[in-house]
Amino acid sequence: MKSIVPFIIASLLLAQACTLFVKDSQEEPVARVFERHLYPSDMDMIIPQGTSPEDSVLLAKRYIEIWVKDQLMVHRAQESLSEEQMDFKNQIEEYHRSLLIFTYRQELLKQKMDTLVLENEILSYYEENTKNFLLNQNVVKGTFIKVPLSAPQLDQLRRWSWNNREEDLDQMEKYCLSYAEKYEDFNDTWVYFSSIRSQLPMRMSDPTRYLRSYRNIETSDDQYRYLVHITEYLTEGETAPVEMVAEDIRSIILNKRKIEFLKELEHQVYKDGATRNQFEIYR
């Protein structure tokens, strides 16, 4: 008899899950803790549409277990705590006030705060605060090529890669589309040198010194030849390029606007309240 109970429960949950817990005036509870009952309609929102019957059963069972544990904990707390300890009126009122103010502020920020940050604003902030935007690692511009050792014209590829002339870059790109395992052209974008080094089968004891001494890297493993050409570089401790910190600056500017907006909002609400005689401060 005992072994059939889980099957009965699962069958009941499956039947209820498949009906998406539609409320029934004569529905039977699926669980009870002391005098509280849990009904299928109480779980309407926990089963997403399109969930398979098997997954519906699992979700329902998990919810029921959580509900039972919560109710037991509530009952145990009510037995153990004093009336004073269970009086949350002040905390609830404070939370409600805070939630109202927060929601009102967020709505006004959404409706009225200017979120457009112009490029000249970003550049101006950058130039005034360059000491706050120092690189914590080396960055480079250039090209990265990974090509099979069996590929043709590797000497010609090297010349195209290292010359960096417009016509050479065009020839190199066409070649790489046909033969390269991987080709990256980051001449217009700063990337961290560490992301390039991690793809090479060689170690650099001092990457910064290497960058200052060499603009070209050529190395091989058992299968591939690797060619890196560095057109520009900046080392750790130097000022970061504005392109790399533009989004950070945009966030800083917007956050400053937000603080000023909310400060002005509080000032205006206070001023309006005083003008309309909506409050008194007793001395």
Protein backbone atom coordinates (compact mmCIF):
# COMPACT_ATOMS: atom_id res chain seq x y z
CA MET A 1 0.00 0.00 0.00
CA LYS A 2 2.82 2.37 0.93
CA SER A 3 4.56 1.99 -2.44
CA ILE A 4 1.52 3.14 -4.37
CA VAL A 5 1.26 6.52 -2.57
CA PRO A 6 3.90 8.31 -4.66
CA PHE A 7 2.16 7.06 -7.79
CA ILE A 8 -1.18 8.42 -6.61
CA ILE A 9 0.38 11.81 -5.75
CA ALA A 10 2.15 11.98 -9.09
CA SER A 11 -1.05 11.10 -10.93
CA LEU A 12 -2.94 13.80 -9.04
CA LEU A 13 -0.22 16.39 -9.78
CA LEU A 14 -0.06 15.39 -13.42
CA ALA A 15 -3.80 15.72 -13.87
CA GLN A 16 -3.75 19.12 -12.19
CA ALA A 17 -0.68 20.27 -14.12
CA CYS A 18 -2.19 19.29 -17.44
CA THR A 19 -5.25 21.46 -16.72
CA LEU A 20 -2.88 24.35 -15.88
CA PHE A 21 -4.44 24.53 -12.43
CA VAL A 22 -7.72 26.02 -13.65
CA LYS A 23 -9.70 27.15 -10.60
CA ASP A 24 -12.55 24.84 -9.69
CA SER A 25 -15.15 25.69 -7.10
CA GLN A 26 -14.96 22.09 -5.89
CA GLU A 27 -11.18 21.61 -6.24
CA GLU A 28 -9.44 19.37 -3.77
CA PRO A 29 -6.38 20.61 -1.86
CA VAL A 30 -2.97 19.20 -2.78
CA ALA A 31 -1.41 19.85 0.64
CA ARG A 32 -2.24 20.89 4.20
CA VAL A 33 -0.18 22.34 7.02
CA PHE A 34 -2.18 22.63 10.23
CA GLU A 35 -5.31 24.55 9.19
CA ARG A 36 -3.94 26.00 5.96
CA HIS A 37 -4.55 24.30 2.62
CA LEU A 38 -2.87 24.63 -0.76
CA TYR A 39 -5.12 24.34 -3.81
CA PRO A 40 -4.26 23.79 -7.47
CA SER A 41 -5.48 27.30 -8.30
CA ASP A 42 -2.88 28.72 -5.88
CA MET A 43 -0.21 27.47 -8.27
CA ASP A 44 -1.59 28.95 -11.49
CA MET A 45 1.53 31.00 -12.22
CA ILE A 46 4.26 28.42 -11.59
CA ILE A 47 3.75 26.28 -14.70
CA PRO A 48 4.82 28.10 -17.89
CA GLN A 49 2.73 27.47 -20.96
CA GLY A 50 4.11 24.72 -23.16
CA THR A 51 5.75 22.85 -20.25
CA SER A 52 5.69 19.10 -20.74
CA PRO A 53 3.51 17.02 -18.36
CA GLU A 54 6.61 15.46 -16.79
CA ASP A 55 8.22 18.85 -16.10
CA SER A 56 4.88 20.21 -14.86
CA VAL A 57 4.77 17.46 -12.25
CA LEU A 58 8.32 18.27 -11.11
CA LEU A 59 7.60 22.00 -10.84
CA ALA A 60 4.37 21.39 -8.95
CA LYS A 61 5.99 18.93 -6.56
CA ARG A 62 8.88 21.34 -5.88
CA TYR A 63 6.45 24.20 -5.22
CA ILE A 64 4.40 22.08 -2.82
CA GLU A 65 7.50 21.07 -0.87
CA ILE A 66 8.61 24.70 -0.58
CA TRP A 67 5.13 25.80 0.48
CA VAL A 68 4.95 23.11 3.18
CA LYS A 69 8.38 24.05 4.55
CA ASP A 70 7.44 27.75 4.62
CA GLN A 71 4.19 27.11 6.43
CA LEU A 72 5.91 24.90 9.00
CA MET A 73 8.57 27.58 9.58
CA VAL A 74 5.89 30.26 9.99
CA HIS A 75 4.03 28.13 12.52
CA ARG A 76 7.21 27.37 14.46
CA ALA A 77 8.14 31.08 14.48
CA GLN A 78 4.68 32.06 15.72
CA GLU A 79 5.02 29.55 18.56
CA SER A 80 8.48 30.73 19.54
CA LEU A 81 8.39 34.53 19.16
CA SER A 82 6.74 37.04 21.47
CA GLU A 83 4.02 39.41 20.35
CA GLU A 84 6.53 42.24 20.43
CA GLN A 85 8.98 40.31 18.25
CA MET A 86 6.22 39.61 15.72
CA ASP A 87 5.09 43.23 15.49
CA PHE A 88 6.41 44.45 12.15
CA LYS A 89 4.04 47.37 11.71
CA ASN A 90 6.74 50.05 11.80
CA GLN A 91 9.07 48.11 9.50
CA ILE A 92 6.25 47.49 7.02
CA GLU A 93 5.26 51.15 7.01
CA GLU A 94 8.89 52.22 6.53
CA TYR A 95 9.36 49.73 3.71
CA HIS A 96 6.14 50.92 2.07
CA ARG A 97 7.30 54.56 2.25
CA SER A 98 10.69 53.66 0.83
CA LEU A 99 9.12 51.64 -1.97
CA LEU A 100 6.74 54.47 -2.89
CA ILE A 101 9.55 57.03 -3.03
CA PHE A 102 11.82 54.68 -4.98
CA THR A 103 9.10 53.88 -7.54
CA TYR A 104 8.21 57.57 -7.96
CA ARG A 105 11.86 58.53 -8.45
CA GLN A 106 12.42 55.75 -10.99
CA GLU A 107 9.34 56.76 -12.95
CA LEU A 108 10.44 60.41 -13.11
CA LEU A 109 13.96 59.39 -14.11
CA LYS A 110 12.49 57.32 -16.92
CA GLN A 111 10.18 60.11 -18.10
CA LYS A 112 12.20 63.28 -17.63
CA MET A 113 15.94 62.70 -17.25
CA ASP A 114 18.02 63.35 -20.34
CA THR A 115 19.92 60.14 -21.14
CA LEU A 116 21.65 61.39 -24.29
CA VAL A 117 25.40 61.76 -23.74
CA LEU A 118 27.16 63.53 -26.60
CA GLU A 119 30.60 62.55 -27.83
CA ASN A 120 32.04 65.96 -26.92
CA GLU A 121 30.82 65.47 -23.33
CA ILE A 122 32.65 62.15 -23.17
CA LEU A 123 35.82 63.64 -24.63
CA SER A 124 35.68 66.65 -22.29
CA TYR A 125 35.29 64.43 -19.22
CA TYR A 126 38.09 62.18 -20.48
CA GLU A 127 40.52 65.07 -20.97
CA GLU A 128 39.73 66.50 -17.53
CA ASN A 129 40.18 63.14 -15.77
CA THR A 130 42.89 61.27 -17.68
CA LYS A 131 44.60 60.26 -14.43
CA ASN A 132 41.53 58.17 -13.62
CA PHE A 133 41.81 56.15 -16.82
CA LEU A 134 45.14 54.37 -16.67
CA LEU A 135 45.62 51.02 -18.36
CA ASN A 136 46.03 48.00 -16.11
CA GLN A 137 47.43 45.95 -19.00
CA ASN A 138 48.93 46.41 -22.44
CA VAL A 139 46.70 47.11 -25.46
CA VAL A 140 47.46 46.88 -29.17
CA LYS A 141 46.18 47.40 -32.68
CA GLY A 142 47.20 45.23 -35.64
CA THR A 143 46.53 41.85 -37.24
CA PHE A 144 46.62 38.21 -36.12
CA ILE A 145 46.91 35.24 -38.49
CA LYS A 146 46.87 31.53 -37.77
CA VAL A 147 47.53 29.49 -40.90
CA PRO A 148 48.31 25.78 -41.49
CA LEU A 149 51.96 24.96 -42.13
CA SER A 150 50.83 23.31 -45.36
CA ALA A 151 49.40 26.56 -46.76
CA PRO A 152 51.15 28.01 -49.83
CA GLN A 153 53.13 31.26 -50.08
CA LEU A 154 53.89 31.65 -46.37
CA ASP A 155 56.85 33.93 -47.17
CA GLN A 156 54.57 36.17 -49.23
CA LEU A 157 52.01 36.14 -46.42
CA ARG A 158 54.69 37.34 -44.01
CA ARG A 159 55.56 40.27 -46.29
CA TRP A 160 51.88 41.25 -46.65
CA SER A 161 51.37 41.04 -42.90
CA TRP A 162 54.43 43.05 -41.90
CA ASN A 163 54.23 45.80 -44.53
CA ASN A 164 50.76 46.89 -43.47
CA ARG A 165 50.18 48.86 -46.70
CA GLU A 166 46.63 49.13 -47.96
CA GLU A 167 47.25 46.95 -51.02
CA ASP A 168 49.10 44.39 -48.88
CA LEU A 169 46.24 44.23 -46.40
CA ASP A 170 43.82 43.57 -49.26
CA GLN A 171 45.98 40.74 -50.60
CA MET A 172 46.44 39.33 -47.10
CA GLU A 173 42.70 39.35 -46.41
CA LYS A 174 41.96 37.50 -49.65
CA TYR A 175 44.66 34.96 -48.82
CA CYS A 176 43.37 34.45 -45.27
CA LEU A 177 39.81 33.91 -46.46
CA SER A 178 41.10 30.96 -48.48
CA TYR A 179 43.76 29.44 -46.23
CA ALA A 180 43.80 30.84 -42.67
CA GLU A 181 42.43 28.94 -39.72
CA LYS A 182 41.92 32.31 -38.02
CA TYR A 183 42.35 35.90 -39.13
CA GLU A 184 41.72 39.03 -37.05
CA ASP A 185 42.13 42.59 -38.27
CA PHE A 186 42.03 44.90 -35.24
CA ASN A 187 43.76 47.91 -36.81
CA ASP A 188 40.74 50.06 -35.93
CA THR A 189 40.08 48.61 -32.48
CA TRP A 190 42.23 48.41 -29.35
CA VAL A 191 42.47 44.91 -27.89
CA TYR A 192 44.28 43.57 -24.84
CA PHE A 193 47.67 42.15 -25.78
CA SER A 194 47.04 39.29 -23.37
CA SER A 195 44.17 38.08 -25.60
CA ILE A 196 46.63 37.82 -28.51
CA ARG A 197 49.40 36.21 -26.46
CA SER A 198 47.02 33.55 -25.15
CA GLN A 199 46.59 32.28 -28.74
CA LEU A 200 50.33 31.92 -29.41
CA PRO A 201 52.41 28.79 -28.68
CA MET A 202 55.16 30.86 -27.06
CA ARG A 203 55.84 32.49 -23.73
CA MET A 204 56.87 36.09 -23.10
CA SER A 205 58.60 36.71 -19.80
CA ASP A 206 58.19 40.48 -20.19
CA PRO A 207 55.34 41.39 -22.61
CA THR A 208 55.80 45.13 -22.12
CA ARG A 209 59.49 44.98 -23.01
CA TYR A 210 58.67 42.74 -25.98
CA LEU A 211 56.16 45.29 -27.30
CA ARG A 212 58.69 48.08 -27.04
CA SER A 213 61.26 46.05 -28.98
CA TYR A 214 59.25 44.25 -31.66
CA ARG A 215 56.34 45.03 -33.95
CA ASN A 216 56.16 41.58 -35.55
CA ILE A 217 55.73 38.15 -34.01
CA GLU A 218 56.23 34.91 -35.92
CA THR A 219 56.04 31.50 -34.26
CA SER A 220 54.90 27.95 -35.04
CA ASP A 221 53.70 24.75 -33.47
CA ASP A 222 53.27 21.30 -35.03
CA GLN A 223 50.36 22.39 -37.20
CA TYR A 224 50.21 26.15 -37.60
CA ARG A 225 52.23 29.27 -38.31
CA TYR A 226 51.26 32.37 -36.30
CA LEU A 227 51.88 35.90 -37.58
CA VAL A 228 51.13 39.01 -35.54
CA HIS A 229 51.79 42.55 -36.69
CA ILE A 230 51.46 45.38 -34.16
CA THR A 231 50.67 48.79 -35.67
CA GLU A 232 50.12 50.64 -32.36
CA TYR A 233 50.52 49.82 -28.70
CA LEU A 234 50.07 51.33 -25.26
CA THR A 235 51.54 49.79 -22.14
CA GLU A 236 50.27 49.25 -18.64
CA GLY A 237 50.18 52.50 -16.67
CA GLU A 238 49.66 54.75 -19.69
CA THR A 239 46.40 56.61 -20.26
CA ALA A 240 43.75 54.35 -21.77
CA PRO A 241 42.45 55.28 -25.23
CA VAL A 242 39.19 57.17 -25.03
CA GLU A 243 37.50 54.48 -27.17
CA MET A 244 38.15 51.88 -24.48
CA VAL A 245 36.67 53.91 -21.64
CA ALA A 246 33.85 55.72 -23.47
CA GLU A 247 31.12 53.49 -22.06
CA ASP A 248 32.49 53.85 -18.53
CA ILE A 249 32.52 57.63 -18.94
CA ARG A 250 28.98 57.59 -20.32
CA SER A 251 27.85 55.69 -17.21
CA ILE A 252 29.67 58.15 -14.92
CA ILE A 253 28.05 61.13 -16.63
CA LEU A 254 24.59 59.56 -16.46
CA ASN A 255 25.07 58.70 -12.79
CA LYS A 256 26.07 62.30 -12.03
CA ARG A 257 22.98 63.51 -13.87
CA LYS A 258 20.84 61.09 -11.89
CA ILE A 259 22.20 62.36 -8.57
CA GLU A 260 21.64 65.98 -9.59
CA PHE A 261 18.17 65.19 -10.93
CA LEU A 262 17.08 63.52 -7.69
CA LYS A 263 18.62 66.28 -5.58
CA GLU A 264 16.73 68.89 -7.61
CA LEU A 265 13.54 66.83 -7.36
CA GLU A 266 13.70 66.75 -3.56
CA HIS A 267 14.47 70.48 -3.47
CA GLN A 268 11.52 71.25 -5.76
CA VAL A 269 9.10 69.06 -3.79
CA TYR A 270 10.18 70.76 -0.57
CA LYS A 271 9.87 74.21 -2.16
CA ASP A 272 6.39 73.41 -3.53
CA GLY A 273 5.31 72.07 -0.16
CA ALA A 274 6.44 75.28 1.56
CA THR A 275 4.74 77.50 -1.05
CA ARG A 276 1.45 75.62 -0.69
CA ASN A 277 1.67 75.55 3.10
CA GLN A 278 1.62 71.72 3.06
CA PHE A 279 3.86 71.34 6.11
CA GLU A 280 4.95 73.07 9.30
CA ILE A 281 8.15 72.73 11.31
CA TYR A 282 7.59 73.51 14.96
CA ARG A 283 10.39 75.21 16.84
